[in-house]
C-alpha atoms as a PDB file:
ATOM      1  CA  MET A   1     -17.245  -8.386   7.822  1.00  0.00           C
ATOM      2  CA  ILE A   2     -18.229  -7.578   4.371  1.00  0.00           C
ATOM      3  CA  LYS A   3     -16.606 -10.789   3.635  1.00  0.00           C
ATOM      4  CA  LEU A   4     -18.299 -12.671   5.865  1.00  0.00           C
ATOM      5  CA  SER A   5     -21.376 -11.765   4.160  1.00  0.00           C
ATOM      6  CA  HIS A   6     -20.424 -11.745   0.591  1.00  0.00           C
ATOM      7  CA  PRO A   7     -17.313 -13.932   0.500  1.00  0.00           C
ATOM      8  CA  ASP A   8     -17.757 -14.451  -3.261  1.00  0.00           C
ATOM      9  CA  LYS A   9     -16.882 -10.640  -3.497  1.00  0.00           C
ATOM     10  CA  ASP A  10     -13.060  -9.474  -3.750  1.00  0.00           C
ATOM     11  CA  GLU A  11     -13.610  -5.786  -4.336  1.00  0.00           C
ATOM     12  CA  ILE A  12     -15.507  -2.652  -2.818  1.00  0.00           C
ATOM     13  CA  ILE A  13     -16.046   0.203  -5.672  1.00  0.00           C
ATOM     14  CA  LEU A  14     -17.493   3.385  -4.965  1.00  0.00           C
ATOM     15  CA  THR A  15     -17.764   6.563  -6.829  1.00  0.00           C
ATOM     16  CA  VAL A  16     -17.088   9.914  -5.434  1.00  0.00           C
ATOM     17  CA  HIS A  17     -17.911  13.805  -7.094  1.00  0.00           C
ATOM     18  CA  HIS A  18     -14.120  15.189  -7.930  1.00  0.00           C
ATOM     19  CA  SER A  19     -15.367  18.387  -5.969  1.00  0.00           C
ATOM     20  CA  ASN A  20     -16.041  16.214  -2.990  1.00  0.00           C
ATOM     21  CA  VAL A  21     -12.560  16.703  -0.950  1.00  0.00           C
ATOM     22  CA  PRO A  22     -13.319  15.981   2.229  1.00  0.00           C
ATOM     23  CA  ALA A  23     -14.847  12.239   1.143  1.00  0.00           C
ATOM     24  CA  ILE A  24     -12.014  11.647  -1.359  1.00  0.00           C
ATOM     25  CA  ASN A  25      -9.235  12.561   1.856  1.00  0.00           C
ATOM     26  CA  LEU A  26     -11.151  10.210   4.094  1.00  0.00           C
ATOM     27  CA  TYR A  27     -11.745   7.300   1.313  1.00  0.00           C
ATOM     28  CA  LYS A  28      -7.623   7.648   0.933  1.00  0.00           C
ATOM     29  CA  LYS A  29      -7.022   7.369   4.917  1.00  0.00           C
ATOM     30  CA  VAL A  30      -9.235   4.405   5.212  1.00  0.00           C
ATOM     31  CA  GLY A  31      -7.451   2.922   1.931  1.00  0.00           C
ATOM     32  CA  PHE A  32      -9.212   3.161  -0.807  1.00  0.00           C
ATOM     33  CA  ILE A  33      -6.969   3.395  -3.860  1.00  0.00           C
ATOM     34  CA  ASP A  34      -7.724   5.668  -6.975  1.00  0.00           C
ATOM     35  CA  LYS A  35      -6.352   3.689 -10.173  1.00  0.00           C
ATOM     36  CA  GLY A  36      -7.334   6.277 -12.643  1.00  0.00           C
ATOM     37  CA  TYR A  37     -10.787   5.706 -13.487  1.00  0.00           C
ATOM     38  CA  ARG A  38     -13.019   8.602 -14.304  1.00  0.00           C
ATOM     39  CA  PHE A  39     -16.636   8.788 -15.773  1.00  0.00           C
ATOM     40  CA  ASN A  40     -18.968  11.979 -16.194  1.00  0.00           C
ATOM     41  CA  GLY A  41     -22.208  11.820 -13.888  1.00  0.00           C
ATOM     42  CA  GLU A  42     -25.064  13.720 -14.151  1.00  0.00           C
ATOM     43  CA  GLU A  43     -23.172  16.514 -11.830  1.00  0.00           C
ATOM     44  CA  GLY A  44     -19.787  16.382 -13.868  1.00  0.00           C
ATOM     45  CA  GLU A  45     -16.460  14.390 -13.320  1.00  0.00           C
ATOM     46  CA  GLU A  46     -16.524  11.179 -11.111  1.00  0.00           C
ATOM     47  CA  PHE A  47     -13.673   9.809  -9.281  1.00  0.00           C
ATOM     48  CA  ILE A  48     -13.977   5.820  -8.965  1.00  0.00           C
ATOM     49  CA  TYR A  49     -12.082   4.257  -5.885  1.00  0.00           C
ATOM     50  CA  HIS A  50     -11.076   0.682  -4.813  1.00  0.00           C
ATOM     51  CA  PHE A  51     -10.993  -1.380  -1.731  1.00  0.00           C
ATOM     52  CA  ALA A  52      -9.467  -4.542  -2.183  1.00  0.00           C
ATOM     53  CA  LEU A  53     -11.159  -7.065   0.451  1.00  0.00           C
ATOM     54  CA  ASP A  54      -8.509  -9.421   2.124  1.00  0.00           C
END
């Protein structure tokens, strides 16, 4: 559906706080990949997840 609306995009990228374990588990379950990228957000470490759009 996203690819139809945005055919020029090939990936969804999101951030999640390192302590938000339920969200992390959900993102992994639906296919988001943790490539190891991190940054320090206002409330602490954030993980960056990627999802390839086919």
